[in-house]
């Protein structure tokens, strides 16, 4: 079984349960370490998630098991040990690439139901202006989305710096007529992002978030959360799936903007007249 299958089975296991913030943290850790989860002791899982060992036990009980050993036995039944066998033949760089391929396959399976992305595209297209938030690790994803979105959307405002001005810029967007905010949220999740989303909700904005997991800390402050896993096999996380999901969102937004194609053609004409690109 691939890491994609293991991740999907884990997420299905957690669905329908009201998890506390600590329990969401454990669930998020297990999703990120899907291939290893069936073989971790409660102490190891607690250390990885940054929680206490009793919290892991309570988490297992919340999911309907007698305790953590019963949860681990269940995970070993649905995620066979052979899952990681093929990976042993790859070096660490190849393993990182294959893990990202699995993340992309998982994203493809989620997109089999296009309704959430279509809905998000409509929300983003209708917001004038459209604030796009991404701090620290997520700054590149937000910046890339904003760069392309400006070619078709009349008013995109990139929020890529934290500090006291962040709330001011959200206020300014609301005063100008914004109805939605797009957030890219990747680990490690800055406290400023969580606080900014809570503020944006209170200000009346509909929050659409691209995050690494449905159990990310930003989930409770997002009306619509679209998950795309990150790779964790290298010293720094890799984010191919969140980047691709951002491009998919751009496509959905273009579909909801009646003049998107005309704007793109107008840009191409101006770019050619200026000799902007070397062909």
C-alpha atoms as a PDB file:
ATOM      1  CA  UNK A   1       0.000   0.000   0.000  1.00  0.00           C
ATOM      2  CA  UNK A   2       1.322   3.457  -0.851  1.00  0.00           C
ATOM      3  CA  UNK A   3       1.661   6.331   1.608  1.00  0.00           C
ATOM      4  CA  UNK A   4      -1.353   7.814  -0.191  1.00  0.00           C
ATOM      5  CA  UNK A   5      -3.528   4.851   0.754  1.00  0.00           C
ATOM      6  CA  UNK A   6      -2.277   4.903   4.327  1.00  0.00           C
ATOM      7  CA  UNK A   7      -2.992   8.626   4.630  1.00  0.00           C
ATOM      8  CA  UNK A   8      -6.494   8.244   3.203  1.00  0.00           C
ATOM      9  CA  UNK A   9      -7.318   5.404   5.623  1.00  0.00           C
ATOM     10  CA  UNK A  10      -6.052   7.407   8.574  1.00  0.00           C
ATOM     11  CA  UNK A  11      -8.105  10.450   7.627  1.00  0.00           C
ATOM     12  CA  UNK A  12     -11.207   8.285   7.231  1.00  0.00           C
ATOM     13  CA  UNK A  13     -10.579   6.852  10.717  1.00  0.00           C
ATOM     14  CA  UNK A  14     -10.661  10.349  12.204  1.00  0.00           C
ATOM     15  CA  UNK A  15     -13.750  11.557  10.340  1.00  0.00           C
ATOM     16  CA  UNK A  16     -16.897  12.051  12.386  1.00  0.00           C
ATOM     17  CA  UNK A  17     -15.103  12.457  15.725  1.00  0.00           C
ATOM     18  CA  UNK A  18     -15.068  15.677  17.730  1.00  0.00           C
ATOM     19  CA  UNK A  19     -11.386  16.057  18.505  1.00  0.00           C
ATOM     20  CA  UNK A  20      -9.877  18.481  20.989  1.00  0.00           C
ATOM     21  CA  UNK A  21      -7.010  20.721  19.813  1.00  0.00           C
ATOM     22  CA  UNK A  22      -4.539  18.301  21.437  1.00  0.00           C
ATOM     23  CA  UNK A  23      -6.179  15.347  19.727  1.00  0.00           C
ATOM     24  CA  UNK A  24      -6.148  17.156  16.379  1.00  0.00           C
ATOM     25  CA  UNK A  25      -2.425  17.627  16.894  1.00  0.00           C
ATOM     26  CA  UNK A  26      -1.977  13.880  17.392  1.00  0.00           C
ATOM     27  CA  UNK A  27      -4.132  13.129  14.340  1.00  0.00           C
ATOM     28  CA  UNK A  28      -2.160  15.613  12.256  1.00  0.00           C
ATOM     29  CA  UNK A  29       1.113  13.988  13.343  1.00  0.00           C
ATOM     30  CA  UNK A  30      -0.185  10.526  12.430  1.00  0.00           C
ATOM     31  CA  UNK A  31      -1.284  11.713   8.988  1.00  0.00           C
ATOM     32  CA  UNK A  32       2.140  13.229   8.350  1.00  0.00           C
ATOM     33  CA  UNK A  33       3.809   9.982   9.471  1.00  0.00           C
ATOM     34  CA  UNK A  34       1.215   7.665   7.927  1.00  0.00           C
ATOM     35  CA  UNK A  35       3.673   4.924   6.957  1.00  0.00           C
ATOM     36  CA  UNK A  36       5.250   4.876  10.438  1.00  0.00           C
ATOM     37  CA  UNK A  37       2.093   5.326  12.521  1.00  0.00           C
ATOM     38  CA  UNK A  38       1.251   1.611  12.940  1.00  0.00           C
ATOM     39  CA  UNK A  39       4.681   0.957  14.432  1.00  0.00           C
ATOM     40  CA  UNK A  40       5.033   3.867  16.857  1.00  0.00           C
ATOM     41  CA  UNK A  41       4.684   3.339  20.599  1.00  0.00           C
ATOM     42  CA  UNK A  42       2.431   5.695  22.519  1.00  0.00           C
ATOM     43  CA  UNK A  43       5.522   7.353  23.980  1.00  0.00           C
ATOM     44  CA  UNK A  44       7.081   7.834  20.531  1.00  0.00           C
ATOM     45  CA  UNK A  45       3.856   9.250  19.113  1.00  0.00           C
ATOM     46  CA  UNK A  46       3.508  11.586  22.092  1.00  0.00           C
ATOM     47  CA  UNK A  47       7.046  12.892  21.569  1.00  0.00           C
ATOM     48  CA  UNK A  48       6.506  13.413  17.831  1.00  0.00           C
ATOM     49  CA  UNK A  49       3.223  15.240  18.406  1.00  0.00           C
ATOM     50  CA  UNK A  50       4.524  17.237  21.376  1.00  0.00           C
ATOM     51  CA  UNK A  51       1.834  15.984  23.760  1.00  0.00           C
ATOM     52  CA  UNK A  52       1.706  13.783  26.855  1.00  0.00           C
ATOM     53  CA  UNK A  53       1.482   9.995  26.700  1.00  0.00           C
ATOM     54  CA  UNK A  54      -1.918   9.982  28.509  1.00  0.00           C
ATOM     55  CA  UNK A  55      -3.214  12.307  25.766  1.00  0.00           C
ATOM     56  CA  UNK A  56      -2.382   9.618  23.209  1.00  0.00           C
ATOM     57  CA  UNK A  57      -4.329   7.053  25.248  1.00  0.00           C
ATOM     58  CA  UNK A  58      -7.348   9.354  25.528  1.00  0.00           C
ATOM     59  CA  UNK A  59      -7.121   9.999  21.799  1.00  0.00           C
ATOM     60  CA  UNK A  60      -7.367   6.258  21.068  1.00  0.00           C
ATOM     61  CA  UNK A  61     -10.391   5.941  23.380  1.00  0.00           C
ATOM     62  CA  UNK A  62     -12.082   8.872  21.633  1.00  0.00           C
ATOM     63  CA  UNK A  63     -11.736   6.968  18.352  1.00  0.00           C
ATOM     64  CA  UNK A  64     -13.566   4.006  19.901  1.00  0.00           C
ATOM     65  CA  UNK A  65     -10.665   1.756  20.905  1.00  0.00           C
ATOM     66  CA  UNK A  66      -9.957   0.257  24.337  1.00  0.00           C
ATOM     67  CA  UNK A  67      -6.589   1.975  24.367  1.00  0.00           C
ATOM     68  CA  UNK A  68      -3.612   2.821  22.202  1.00  0.00           C
ATOM     69  CA  UNK A  69      -2.471  -0.819  21.714  1.00  0.00           C
ATOM     70  CA  UNK A  70      -5.856  -1.614  20.167  1.00  0.00           C
ATOM     71  CA  UNK A  71      -5.571   1.416  17.865  1.00  0.00           C
ATOM     72  CA  UNK A  72      -2.077   0.344  16.801  1.00  0.00           C
ATOM     73  CA  UNK A  73      -3.264  -3.219  16.083  1.00  0.00           C
ATOM     74  CA  UNK A  74      -6.036  -1.781  13.923  1.00  0.00           C
ATOM     75  CA  UNK A  75      -3.561   0.385  12.022  1.00  0.00           C
ATOM     76  CA  UNK A  76      -1.303  -2.625  11.385  1.00  0.00           C
ATOM     77  CA  UNK A  77      -4.275  -4.474   9.917  1.00  0.00           C
ATOM     78  CA  UNK A  78      -5.133  -1.690   7.464  1.00  0.00           C
ATOM     79  CA  UNK A  79      -1.543  -0.567   6.729  1.00  0.00           C
ATOM     80  CA  UNK A  80       0.520  -3.746   6.150  1.00  0.00           C
ATOM     81  CA  UNK A  81       4.238  -3.732   6.958  1.00  0.00           C
ATOM     82  CA  UNK A  82       4.928  -4.288   3.252  1.00  0.00           C
ATOM     83  CA  UNK A  83       3.876  -0.713   2.627  1.00  0.00           C
ATOM     84  CA  UNK A  84       7.371   0.589   3.261  1.00  0.00           C
ATOM     85  CA  UNK A  85       9.273  -2.315   1.715  1.00  0.00           C
ATOM     86  CA  UNK A  86       9.692  -0.797  -1.742  1.00  0.00           C
ATOM     87  CA  UNK A  87      10.978   2.456  -0.287  1.00  0.00           C
ATOM     88  CA  UNK A  88      13.951   0.636   1.230  1.00  0.00           C
ATOM     89  CA  UNK A  89      15.529   0.304  -2.223  1.00  0.00           C
ATOM     90  CA  UNK A  90      15.626   4.080  -2.755  1.00  0.00           C
ATOM     91  CA  UNK A  91      18.109   6.576  -1.372  1.00  0.00           C
ATOM     92  CA  UNK A  92      16.823   9.455   0.737  1.00  0.00           C
ATOM     93  CA  UNK A  93      16.521  11.835  -2.202  1.00  0.00           C
ATOM     94  CA  UNK A  94      14.534   9.348  -4.249  1.00  0.00           C
ATOM     95  CA  UNK A  95      12.327   8.613  -1.264  1.00  0.00           C
ATOM     96  CA  UNK A  96      11.522  12.328  -0.971  1.00  0.00           C
ATOM     97  CA  UNK A  97      10.509  12.441  -4.649  1.00  0.00           C
ATOM     98  CA  UNK A  98       8.369   9.317  -4.372  1.00  0.00           C
ATOM     99  CA  UNK A  99       6.703  10.705  -1.245  1.00  0.00           C
ATOM    100  CA  UNK A 100       5.751  13.820  -3.201  1.00  0.00           C
ATOM    101  CA  UNK A 101       4.410  11.669  -6.029  1.00  0.00           C
ATOM    102  CA  UNK A 102       2.213   9.934  -3.450  1.00  0.00           C
ATOM    103  CA  UNK A 103       1.058  13.327  -2.165  1.00  0.00           C
ATOM    104  CA  UNK A 104       0.084  14.323  -5.702  1.00  0.00           C
ATOM    105  CA  UNK A 105      -1.796  11.048  -6.212  1.00  0.00           C
ATOM    106  CA  UNK A 106      -3.683  11.696  -2.987  1.00  0.00           C
ATOM    107  CA  UNK A 107      -4.545  15.198  -4.185  1.00  0.00           C
ATOM    108  CA  UNK A 108      -5.804  13.740  -7.464  1.00  0.00           C
ATOM    109  CA  UNK A 109      -8.087  11.384  -5.545  1.00  0.00           C
ATOM    110  CA  UNK A 110      -9.490  14.285  -3.516  1.00  0.00           C
ATOM    111  CA  UNK A 111     -10.172  16.250  -6.691  1.00  0.00           C
ATOM    112  CA  UNK A 112     -12.415  13.427  -7.939  1.00  0.00           C
ATOM    113  CA  UNK A 113     -15.084  15.527  -6.226  1.00  0.00           C
ATOM    114  CA  UNK A 114     -14.499  18.968  -7.789  1.00  0.00           C
ATOM    115  CA  UNK A 115     -17.317  20.724  -5.905  1.00  0.00           C
ATOM    116  CA  UNK A 116     -15.175  22.184  -3.072  1.00  0.00           C
ATOM    117  CA  UNK A 117     -12.671  23.667  -5.528  1.00  0.00           C
ATOM    118  CA  UNK A 118     -15.429  24.983  -7.806  1.00  0.00           C
ATOM    119  CA  UNK A 119     -17.116  26.598  -4.802  1.00  0.00           C
ATOM    120  CA  UNK A 120     -13.811  28.106  -3.687  1.00  0.00           C
ATOM    121  CA  UNK A 121     -13.182  29.494  -7.181  1.00  0.00           C
ATOM    122  CA  UNK A 122     -16.542  31.258  -7.138  1.00  0.00           C
ATOM    123  CA  UNK A 123     -15.914  32.736  -3.691  1.00  0.00           C
ATOM    124  CA  UNK A 124     -12.505  34.067  -4.729  1.00  0.00           C
ATOM    125  CA  UNK A 125     -13.762  35.453  -8.038  1.00  0.00           C
ATOM    126  CA  UNK A 126     -16.592  37.331  -6.304  1.00  0.00           C
ATOM    127  CA  UNK A 127     -14.383  39.000  -3.690  1.00  0.00           C
ATOM    128  CA  UNK A 128     -13.305  42.530  -4.684  1.00  0.00           C
ATOM    129  CA  UNK A 129     -10.627  42.963  -3.483  1.00  0.00           C
ATOM    130  CA  UNK A 130      -9.243  39.470  -2.863  1.00  0.00           C
ATOM    131  CA  UNK A 131      -6.746  39.264   0.038  1.00  0.00           C
ATOM    132  CA  UNK A 132      -4.315  36.332  -0.178  1.00  0.00           C
ATOM    133  CA  UNK A 133      -2.538  35.419   3.065  1.00  0.00           C
ATOM    134  CA  UNK A 134       0.612  33.355   3.484  1.00  0.00           C
ATOM    135  CA  UNK A 135       3.355  33.800   6.060  1.00  0.00           C
ATOM    136  CA  UNK A 136       6.761  32.173   6.492  1.00  0.00           C
ATOM    137  CA  UNK A 137       6.835  28.757   4.736  1.00  0.00           C
ATOM    138  CA  UNK A 138       3.542  29.502   2.976  1.00  0.00           C
ATOM    139  CA  UNK A 139       4.732  32.865   1.644  1.00  0.00           C
ATOM    140  CA  UNK A 140       5.948  31.367  -1.638  1.00  0.00           C
ATOM    141  CA  UNK A 141       2.617  29.637  -2.260  1.00  0.00           C
ATOM    142  CA  UNK A 142       0.623  32.799  -1.554  1.00  0.00           C
ATOM    143  CA  UNK A 143       2.978  34.909  -3.655  1.00  0.00           C
ATOM    144  CA  UNK A 144       2.767  32.552  -6.612  1.00  0.00           C
ATOM    145  CA  UNK A 145      -1.016  32.489  -6.481  1.00  0.00           C
ATOM    146  CA  UNK A 146      -1.241  36.278  -6.208  1.00  0.00           C
ATOM    147  CA  UNK A 147       1.174  36.792  -9.130  1.00  0.00           C
ATOM    148  CA  UNK A 148      -0.974  34.811 -11.543  1.00  0.00           C
ATOM    149  CA  UNK A 149      -4.316  35.845 -10.036  1.00  0.00           C
ATOM    150  CA  UNK A 150      -3.557  39.508 -10.762  1.00  0.00           C
ATOM    151  CA  UNK A 151      -3.597  38.694 -14.480  1.00  0.00           C
ATOM    152  CA  UNK A 152      -7.320  37.869 -14.338  1.00  0.00           C
ATOM    153  CA  UNK A 153      -8.690  39.361 -11.086  1.00  0.00           C
ATOM    154  CA  UNK A 154      -9.021  43.150 -10.868  1.00  0.00           C
ATOM    155  CA  UNK A 155      -7.783  43.543  -7.281  1.00  0.00           C
ATOM    156  CA  UNK A 156      -5.579  40.974  -5.528  1.00  0.00           C
ATOM    157  CA  UNK A 157      -3.860  41.996  -2.286  1.00  0.00           C
ATOM    158  CA  UNK A 158      -0.975  39.830  -1.061  1.00  0.00           C
ATOM    159  CA  UNK A 159      -0.622  39.611   2.728  1.00  0.00           C
ATOM    160  CA  UNK A 160       2.817  38.069   3.197  1.00  0.00           C
ATOM    161  CA  UNK A 161       4.127  40.015   6.194  1.00  0.00           C
ATOM    162  CA  UNK A 162       3.046  39.554   9.783  1.00  0.00           C
ATOM    163  CA  UNK A 163       3.196  42.051  12.603  1.00  0.00           C
ATOM    164  CA  UNK A 164       0.773  44.737  13.678  1.00  0.00           C
ATOM    165  CA  UNK A 165       0.072  45.851  10.094  1.00  0.00           C
ATOM    166  CA  UNK A 166      -1.530  42.532   9.162  1.00  0.00           C
ATOM    167  CA  UNK A 167      -4.829  43.313  10.891  1.00  0.00           C
ATOM    168  CA  UNK A 168      -4.777  46.802   9.386  1.00  0.00           C
ATOM    169  CA  UNK A 169      -4.502  45.320   5.913  1.00  0.00           C
ATOM    170  CA  UNK A 170      -7.375  42.922   6.567  1.00  0.00           C
ATOM    171  CA  UNK A 171      -9.467  45.879   7.778  1.00  0.00           C
ATOM    172  CA  UNK A 172      -8.568  47.823   4.637  1.00  0.00           C
ATOM    173  CA  UNK A 173      -9.649  44.919   2.424  1.00  0.00           C
ATOM    174  CA  UNK A 174     -12.969  44.625   4.267  1.00  0.00           C
ATOM    175  CA  UNK A 175     -13.606  48.372   3.937  1.00  0.00           C
ATOM    176  CA  UNK A 176     -12.878  48.134   0.217  1.00  0.00           C
ATOM    177  CA  UNK A 177     -15.538  45.442  -0.189  1.00  0.00           C
ATOM    178  CA  UNK A 178     -13.737  42.098   0.233  1.00  0.00           C
ATOM    179  CA  UNK A 179     -16.024  39.155   0.928  1.00  0.00           C
ATOM    180  CA  UNK A 180     -13.490  36.310   1.060  1.00  0.00           C
ATOM    181  CA  UNK A 181      -9.877  35.678   2.033  1.00  0.00           C
ATOM    182  CA  UNK A 182      -7.614  32.961   0.646  1.00  0.00           C
ATOM    183  CA  UNK A 183      -4.993  31.566   3.020  1.00  0.00           C
ATOM    184  CA  UNK A 184      -2.091  29.212   2.394  1.00  0.00           C
ATOM    185  CA  UNK A 185      -1.163  27.556   5.705  1.00  0.00           C
ATOM    186  CA  UNK A 186       1.801  25.194   5.899  1.00  0.00           C
ATOM    187  CA  UNK A 187       3.819  23.792   8.813  1.00  0.00           C
ATOM    188  CA  UNK A 188       5.103  25.025  11.035  1.00  0.00           C
ATOM    189  CA  UNK A 189       1.915  27.024  11.487  1.00  0.00           C
ATOM    190  CA  UNK A 190       2.618  30.583  12.705  1.00  0.00           C
ATOM    191  CA  UNK A 191       0.430  31.789  15.544  1.00  0.00           C
ATOM    192  CA  UNK A 192      -0.071  35.022  13.577  1.00  0.00           C
ATOM    193  CA  UNK A 193      -1.874  33.138  10.805  1.00  0.00           C
ATOM    194  CA  UNK A 194      -4.318  31.484  13.198  1.00  0.00           C
ATOM    195  CA  UNK A 195      -5.015  34.816  14.885  1.00  0.00           C
ATOM    196  CA  UNK A 196      -5.387  36.592  11.520  1.00  0.00           C
ATOM    197  CA  UNK A 197      -7.935  34.049  10.305  1.00  0.00           C
ATOM    198  CA  UNK A 198      -9.940  34.353  13.525  1.00  0.00           C
ATOM    199  CA  UNK A 199      -9.934  38.133  13.039  1.00  0.00           C
ATOM    200  CA  UNK A 200     -10.921  37.802   9.368  1.00  0.00           C
ATOM    201  CA  UNK A 201     -13.888  35.616  10.309  1.00  0.00           C
ATOM    202  CA  UNK A 202     -15.021  38.111  12.931  1.00  0.00           C
ATOM    203  CA  UNK A 203     -14.748  40.839  10.285  1.00  0.00           C
ATOM    204  CA  UNK A 204     -17.190  38.926   8.097  1.00  0.00           C
ATOM    205  CA  UNK A 205     -14.829  37.390   5.538  1.00  0.00           C
ATOM    206  CA  UNK A 206     -15.361  33.870   4.209  1.00  0.00           C
ATOM    207  CA  UNK A 207     -12.041  32.094   4.737  1.00  0.00           C
ATOM    208  CA  UNK A 208     -10.822  29.609   2.126  1.00  0.00           C
ATOM    209  CA  UNK A 209      -7.659  27.789   3.213  1.00  0.00           C
ATOM    210  CA  UNK A 210      -5.159  25.533   1.487  1.00  0.00           C
ATOM    211  CA  UNK A 211      -3.507  23.584   4.308  1.00  0.00           C
ATOM    212  CA  UNK A 212      -1.359  20.496   4.691  1.00  0.00           C
ATOM    213  CA  UNK A 213      -4.097  18.597   6.561  1.00  0.00           C
ATOM    214  CA  UNK A 214      -7.729  18.829   7.576  1.00  0.00           C
ATOM    215  CA  UNK A 215      -6.393  18.670  11.146  1.00  0.00           C
ATOM    216  CA  UNK A 216      -4.184  21.750  10.795  1.00  0.00           C
ATOM    217  CA  UNK A 217      -4.626  24.440  13.505  1.00  0.00           C
ATOM    218  CA  UNK A 218      -6.283  26.770  10.964  1.00  0.00           C
ATOM    219  CA  UNK A 219      -9.147  24.339  10.310  1.00  0.00           C
ATOM    220  CA  UNK A 220     -11.506  25.804  12.899  1.00  0.00           C
ATOM    221  CA  UNK A 221     -11.141  29.267  11.356  1.00  0.00           C
ATOM    222  CA  UNK A 222     -11.771  28.161   7.749  1.00  0.00           C
ATOM    223  CA  UNK A 223     -15.220  27.881   6.197  1.00  0.00           C
ATOM    224  CA  UNK A 224     -13.690  25.897   3.360  1.00  0.00           C
ATOM    225  CA  UNK A 225     -10.435  23.976   3.882  1.00  0.00           C
ATOM    226  CA  UNK A 226      -8.731  22.244   0.955  1.00  0.00           C
ATOM    227  CA  UNK A 227      -6.010  19.792   2.070  1.00  0.00           C
ATOM    228  CA  UNK A 228      -2.768  19.082   0.203  1.00  0.00           C
ATOM    229  CA  UNK A 229      -0.069  17.154   2.043  1.00  0.00           C
ATOM    230  CA  UNK A 230       3.537  18.295   2.316  1.00  0.00           C
ATOM    231  CA  UNK A 231       6.597  16.058   2.075  1.00  0.00           C
ATOM    232  CA  UNK A 232       8.548  15.603   5.293  1.00  0.00           C
ATOM    233  CA  UNK A 233      11.452  13.394   4.221  1.00  0.00           C
ATOM    234  CA  UNK A 234      14.037  16.163   3.836  1.00  0.00           C
ATOM    235  CA  UNK A 235      15.407  18.720   6.297  1.00  0.00           C
ATOM    236  CA  UNK A 236      12.800  21.200   5.056  1.00  0.00           C
ATOM    237  CA  UNK A 237       9.252  20.287   4.040  1.00  0.00           C
ATOM    238  CA  UNK A 238       8.401  20.110   0.343  1.00  0.00           C
ATOM    239  CA  UNK A 239       5.126  21.557  -0.904  1.00  0.00           C
ATOM    240  CA  UNK A 240       4.467  20.350  -4.457  1.00  0.00           C
ATOM    241  CA  UNK A 241       0.855  19.359  -3.741  1.00  0.00           C
ATOM    242  CA  UNK A 242      -0.119  22.709  -2.123  1.00  0.00           C
ATOM    243  CA  UNK A 243       1.467  24.542  -5.066  1.00  0.00           C
ATOM    244  CA  UNK A 244      -0.475  22.464  -7.590  1.00  0.00           C
ATOM    245  CA  UNK A 245      -3.698  22.895  -5.620  1.00  0.00           C
ATOM    246  CA  UNK A 246      -3.120  26.651  -5.782  1.00  0.00           C
ATOM    247  CA  UNK A 247      -2.936  26.428  -9.591  1.00  0.00           C
ATOM    248  CA  UNK A 248      -6.133  24.348  -9.627  1.00  0.00           C
ATOM    249  CA  UNK A 249      -7.806  27.071  -7.570  1.00  0.00           C
ATOM    250  CA  UNK A 250      -6.613  29.639 -10.087  1.00  0.00           C
ATOM    251  CA  UNK A 251      -8.254  27.621 -12.858  1.00  0.00           C
ATOM    252  CA  UNK A 252     -11.505  27.431 -10.906  1.00  0.00           C
ATOM    253  CA  UNK A 253     -11.379  31.166 -10.258  1.00  0.00           C
ATOM    254  CA  UNK A 254     -10.790  31.857 -13.958  1.00  0.00           C
ATOM    255  CA  UNK A 255     -13.824  29.716 -14.809  1.00  0.00           C
ATOM    256  CA  UNK A 256     -15.890  31.936 -12.496  1.00  0.00           C
ATOM    257  CA  UNK A 257     -14.579  35.206 -13.975  1.00  0.00           C
ATOM    258  CA  UNK A 258     -16.396  35.950 -17.275  1.00  0.00           C
ATOM    259  CA  UNK A 259     -13.663  38.287 -18.511  1.00  0.00           C
ATOM    260  CA  UNK A 260     -10.658  36.142 -17.487  1.00  0.00           C
ATOM    261  CA  UNK A 261      -9.788  35.050 -21.026  1.00  0.00           C
ATOM    262  CA  UNK A 262     -10.100  38.592 -22.345  1.00  0.00           C
ATOM    263  CA  UNK A 263      -7.753  39.846 -19.623  1.00  0.00           C
ATOM    264  CA  UNK A 264      -5.182  37.176 -20.477  1.00  0.00           C
ATOM    265  CA  UNK A 265      -5.317  38.020 -24.169  1.00  0.00           C
ATOM    266  CA  UNK A 266      -4.971  41.724 -23.395  1.00  0.00           C
ATOM    267  CA  UNK A 267      -1.892  40.989 -21.291  1.00  0.00           C
ATOM    268  CA  UNK A 268      -0.346  38.938 -24.095  1.00  0.00           C
ATOM    269  CA  UNK A 269      -0.848  41.812 -26.552  1.00  0.00           C
ATOM    270  CA  UNK A 270       0.773  44.330 -24.183  1.00  0.00           C
ATOM    271  CA  UNK A 271       3.621  41.943 -23.374  1.00  0.00           C
ATOM    272  CA  UNK A 272       4.364  41.446 -27.072  1.00  0.00           C
ATOM    273  CA  UNK A 273       4.290  45.197 -27.719  1.00  0.00           C
ATOM    274  CA  UNK A 274       6.783  45.766 -24.885  1.00  0.00           C
ATOM    275  CA  UNK A 275       9.015  42.872 -25.871  1.00  0.00           C
ATOM    276  CA  UNK A 276       8.561  41.637 -22.329  1.00  0.00           C
ATOM    277  CA  UNK A 277       9.644  38.057 -22.889  1.00  0.00           C
ATOM    278  CA  UNK A 278      12.507  36.491 -24.841  1.00  0.00           C
ATOM    279  CA  UNK A 279      10.978  33.820 -27.069  1.00  0.00           C
END
